[in-house]
Protein backbone atom coordinates (compact mmCIF):
# COMPACT_ATOMS: atom_id res chain seq x y z
CA UNK A 1 66.32 -17.87 94.88
CA UNK A 2 62.72 -19.18 96.95
CA UNK A 3 63.63 -21.49 100.57
CA UNK A 4 60.96 -24.08 100.02
CA UNK A 5 61.46 -25.42 103.39
CA UNK A 6 61.34 -22.03 104.94
CA UNK A 7 58.30 -21.15 103.07
CA UNK A 8 56.37 -24.44 104.17
CA UNK A 9 57.26 -23.77 107.77
CA UNK A 10 55.72 -20.59 107.57
CA UNK A 11 52.91 -21.15 106.70
CA UNK A 12 52.41 -24.17 108.68
CA UNK A 13 53.26 -21.57 111.99
CA UNK A 14 50.79 -19.03 110.31
CA UNK A 15 53.08 -16.45 110.05
CA UNK A 16 52.59 -15.58 106.25
CA UNK A 17 49.36 -14.39 105.28
CA UNK A 18 49.44 -15.47 101.70
CA UNK A 19 46.52 -14.41 99.20
CA UNK A 20 44.76 -15.64 96.40
CA UNK A 21 42.29 -14.84 93.80
CA UNK A 22 39.49 -16.97 93.29
CA UNK A 23 36.14 -15.93 90.68
CA UNK A 24 37.51 -12.50 91.45
CA UNK A 25 37.81 -12.36 95.44
CA UNK A 26 41.02 -12.01 97.62
CA UNK A 27 41.11 -15.02 100.16
CA UNK A 28 43.44 -16.23 102.09
CA UNK A 29 41.78 -17.99 105.38
CA UNK A 30 39.04 -15.85 104.46
CA UNK A 31 37.57 -12.98 101.96
CA UNK A 32 39.30 -9.95 102.29
CA UNK A 33 36.13 -8.09 102.60
CA UNK A 34 37.38 -4.53 103.37
CA UNK A 35 40.44 -4.82 100.40
CA UNK A 36 37.87 -5.97 98.04
CA UNK A 37 35.33 -3.33 98.93
CA UNK A 38 38.12 -0.83 97.81
CA UNK A 39 39.29 -2.08 95.00
CA UNK A 40 35.68 -2.57 93.62
CA UNK A 41 34.57 1.15 94.81
CA UNK A 42 37.93 2.07 92.82
CA UNK A 43 37.33 0.64 89.76
CA UNK A 44 33.14 1.51 89.94
CA UNK A 45 34.60 5.19 90.33
CA UNK A 46 36.71 4.83 87.12
CA UNK A 47 34.60 2.95 85.30
CA UNK A 48 31.87 5.64 85.93
CA UNK A 49 34.32 8.81 85.00
CA UNK A 50 35.01 6.87 81.76
CA UNK A 51 31.67 6.82 80.99
CA UNK A 52 30.76 10.48 82.14
CA UNK A 53 33.72 11.99 79.84
CA UNK A 54 32.73 10.01 76.86
CA UNK A 55 31.02 11.87 73.62
CA UNK A 56 27.48 9.19 74.15
CA UNK A 57 24.19 11.07 74.74
CA UNK A 58 23.07 11.01 77.76
CA UNK A 59 20.42 7.53 77.48
CA UNK A 60 23.53 5.82 76.43
CA UNK A 61 25.79 7.11 79.17
CA UNK A 62 22.68 5.85 81.67
CA UNK A 63 23.05 3.01 79.70
CA UNK A 64 26.32 2.20 80.21
CA UNK A 65 26.23 2.61 83.83
CA UNK A 66 23.65 0.29 83.85
CA UNK A 67 26.15 -2.22 82.42
CA UNK A 68 29.52 -1.32 82.61
CA UNK A 69 29.93 0.20 86.20
CA UNK A 70 27.09 -0.99 88.11
CA UNK A 71 28.12 -4.78 87.57
CA UNK A 72 31.49 -4.54 89.07
CA UNK A 73 29.83 -4.00 92.22
CA UNK A 74 26.90 -6.32 91.59
CA UNK A 75 28.73 -9.38 91.12
CA UNK A 76 29.94 -9.21 94.78
CA UNK A 77 26.30 -8.87 96.64
CA UNK A 78 26.20 -12.21 98.32
CA UNK A 79 29.83 -12.62 99.06
CA UNK A 80 31.17 -9.76 100.24
CA UNK A 81 29.86 -8.08 103.43
CA UNK A 82 28.36 -4.79 102.25
CA UNK A 83 26.86 -2.55 104.99
CA UNK A 84 23.55 -0.34 103.73
CA UNK A 85 25.40 2.88 104.73
CA UNK A 86 28.42 2.03 102.31
CA UNK A 87 25.94 1.26 99.49
CA UNK A 88 24.38 5.02 100.26
CA UNK A 89 27.77 6.61 100.23
CA UNK A 90 28.31 5.15 96.82
CA UNK A 91 24.98 6.42 95.61
CA UNK A 92 25.81 9.67 97.30
CA UNK A 93 29.43 10.06 94.69
CA UNK A 94 27.58 8.72 91.80
CA UNK A 95 25.21 11.44 92.14
CA UNK A 96 28.13 13.99 93.28
CA UNK A 97 30.29 12.68 89.69
CA UNK A 98 27.06 12.97 87.86
CA UNK A 99 26.42 16.52 88.95
CA UNK A 100 29.92 17.09 88.11
CA UNK A 101 29.35 16.38 84.24
CA UNK A 102 25.99 18.60 84.21
CA UNK A 103 23.64 15.31 84.24
CA UNK A 104 22.24 15.85 87.39
CA UNK A 105 21.11 19.39 89.35
CA UNK A 106 22.00 19.64 92.87
CA UNK A 107 18.52 20.51 94.31
CA UNK A 108 16.73 17.78 92.25
CA UNK A 109 14.85 15.36 93.64
CA UNK A 110 17.28 11.91 94.97
CA UNK A 111 14.02 9.31 94.50
CA UNK A 112 12.88 10.91 90.69
CA UNK A 113 16.51 9.85 89.44
CA UNK A 114 16.16 6.67 89.63
CA UNK A 115 12.71 6.45 88.36
CA UNK A 116 12.53 4.32 84.85
CA UNK A 117 13.17 6.91 82.02
CA UNK A 118 10.13 5.90 80.16
CA UNK A 119 8.14 7.46 83.14
CA UNK A 120 10.24 11.03 83.17
CA UNK A 121 13.60 10.98 84.80
CA UNK A 122 16.91 9.45 83.94
CA UNK A 123 16.61 5.69 85.00
CA UNK A 124 20.37 5.46 86.63
CA UNK A 125 20.81 1.87 88.77
CA UNK A 126 20.27 3.02 92.71
CA UNK A 127 23.26 0.98 93.96
CA UNK A 128 21.75 0.49 97.32
CA UNK A 129 18.48 -0.77 94.83
CA UNK A 130 20.64 -3.50 93.06
CA UNK A 131 21.97 -4.76 96.15
CA UNK A 132 18.70 -5.45 97.70
CA UNK A 133 17.17 -6.96 94.64
CA UNK A 134 20.58 -8.86 94.36
CA UNK A 135 20.00 -10.57 97.23
CA UNK A 136 16.73 -11.53 97.33
CA UNK A 137 17.05 -12.86 94.47
CA UNK A 138 19.80 -15.82 96.28
CA UNK A 139 17.47 -15.87 98.88
CA UNK A 140 14.88 -16.84 96.44
CA UNK A 141 17.75 -19.23 94.26
CA UNK A 142 18.62 -21.11 98.14
CA UNK A 143 14.66 -21.42 99.17
CA UNK A 144 13.76 -23.01 95.48
CA UNK A 145 16.13 -25.27 94.83
CA UNK A 146 17.31 -26.59 98.07
CA UNK A 147 15.87 -29.47 97.72
CA UNK A 148 16.99 -30.91 94.41
CA UNK A 149 20.65 -30.27 95.27
CA UNK A 150 22.14 -31.10 98.03
CA UNK A 151 25.05 -28.43 98.06
CA UNK A 152 22.49 -25.70 97.74
CA UNK A 153 20.98 -27.51 100.79
CA UNK A 154 24.09 -26.88 102.41
CA UNK A 155 24.52 -23.22 101.56
CA UNK A 156 20.93 -23.21 102.58
CA UNK A 157 21.52 -24.58 105.86
CA UNK A 158 25.01 -22.13 106.65
CA UNK A 159 23.04 -19.46 105.46
CA UNK A 160 20.06 -19.64 108.01
CA UNK A 161 22.77 -20.22 111.44
CA UNK A 162 24.83 -17.05 110.33
CA UNK A 163 23.95 -13.73 112.06
CA UNK A 164 21.67 -11.19 110.63
CA UNK A 165 24.32 -9.57 108.94
CA UNK A 166 25.76 -12.11 107.38
CA UNK A 167 22.77 -14.25 106.62
CA UNK A 168 21.24 -13.88 102.89
CA UNK A 169 18.03 -15.57 104.13
CA UNK A 170 17.88 -13.40 107.13
CA UNK A 171 18.71 -10.13 105.10
CA UNK A 172 16.65 -11.13 102.33
CA UNK A 173 13.92 -11.41 104.47
CA UNK A 174 14.40 -8.32 106.32
CA UNK A 175 14.48 -6.11 103.75
CA UNK A 176 11.13 -8.01 102.00
CA UNK A 177 9.49 -6.66 104.97
CA UNK A 178 10.58 -3.14 104.57
CA UNK A 179 9.44 -3.27 101.05
CA UNK A 180 6.06 -4.21 101.86
CA UNK A 181 6.15 -1.89 104.61
CA UNK A 182 6.92 1.04 102.54
CA UNK A 183 4.46 -0.19 99.77
CA UNK A 184 1.38 -0.99 102.18
CA UNK A 185 0.88 -4.59 101.38
CA UNK A 186 1.34 -6.54 104.11
CA UNK A 187 -0.53 -9.47 102.52
CA UNK A 188 2.30 -10.46 100.54
CA UNK A 189 4.15 -13.58 102.22
CA UNK A 190 7.92 -13.14 103.15
CA UNK A 191 9.20 -16.22 101.31
CA UNK A 192 6.81 -14.74 97.72
CA UNK A 193 10.09 -12.79 96.12
CA UNK A 194 8.81 -11.91 92.61
CA UNK A 195 8.34 -8.43 91.15
CA UNK A 196 11.28 -7.33 93.11
CA UNK A 197 12.68 -4.45 90.95
CA UNK A 198 8.60 -3.85 90.10
CA UNK A 199 8.56 -3.02 94.47
CA UNK A 200 11.63 -1.47 94.32
CA UNK A 201 10.13 1.26 91.68
CA UNK A 202 6.95 1.71 93.79
CA UNK A 203 8.78 2.54 96.77
CA UNK A 204 10.68 5.37 94.71
CA UNK A 205 7.50 6.65 93.28
CA UNK A 206 5.51 6.55 96.42
CA UNK A 207 8.65 8.30 97.82
CA UNK A 208 8.74 11.01 94.91
CA UNK A 209 4.62 11.58 95.07
CA UNK A 210 4.79 12.49 98.80
CA UNK A 211 7.14 15.31 98.69
CA UNK A 212 5.37 18.63 98.44
CA UNK A 213 8.18 19.92 96.26
CA UNK A 214 8.61 17.63 93.56
CA UNK A 215 5.55 15.84 93.10
CA UNK A 216 3.71 17.81 90.43
CA UNK A 217 4.69 16.27 87.35
CA UNK A 218 4.14 12.65 88.49
CA UNK A 219 0.56 14.30 90.01
CA UNK A 220 -0.19 15.70 86.70
CA UNK A 221 0.42 11.97 84.84
CA UNK A 222 -1.60 10.35 87.02
CA UNK A 223 -4.33 12.91 86.72
CA UNK A 224 -3.83 12.13 82.63
CA UNK A 225 -2.98 16.14 81.95
CA UNK A 226 -0.70 14.37 79.02
CA UNK A 227 -1.79 11.71 77.46
CA UNK A 228 1.05 8.84 78.22
CA UNK A 229 1.65 8.54 73.88
CA UNK A 230 2.69 12.40 74.14
CA UNK A 231 4.72 12.14 76.99
CA UNK A 232 6.91 9.08 75.55
CA UNK A 233 6.63 11.11 71.93
CA UNK A 234 8.39 14.11 74.12
CA UNK A 235 11.06 11.68 75.50
CA UNK A 236 12.13 9.85 72.29
């Protein structure tokens, strides 16, 4: 039987670490970041493995990964403190599993893997890119709606005073600056957060095109040796 008085005393003294589940995130005095990371990664790998084991064709497997597996991690972006290195590690393990189930080759180009399917590639979601897009979208919402909603304004002010690693607004500004440098567009203001996915896709294609060993396909397409219509028919 639970001793209510004893439980209250332990809570007051801070001896007992009580965890609650709020909107799918474990919290006690604060969010349990490390515990939630492990749970999310485990669930992501479980769903990914189930999809790859299924009898779906390649196109539908990629669609299922985007809609069922990556969304597990996407929900935590902006709430859980992810480091870019951790997300790159998740992407590496994803490619390893794709290779195990014969959907990726060990010597194939990494950047080409994530380019859209209708541009000649597989088109799965890169977790690192999904994280960057989500952070930028949250920052855009805060910067756009803070004048109309006092609660949004409170969140924006709080995030603006956080250290660089914990601040969504500062992280988004840094990501946009890096994207603009990679694309070569320095005239874009940092607060203009539009077409994020297109920018991320351009970065991948640019990296792919600059590789001597892997760039022949995309260079031939740019030279229009194969018509766009025939290429799309061959993909379907």
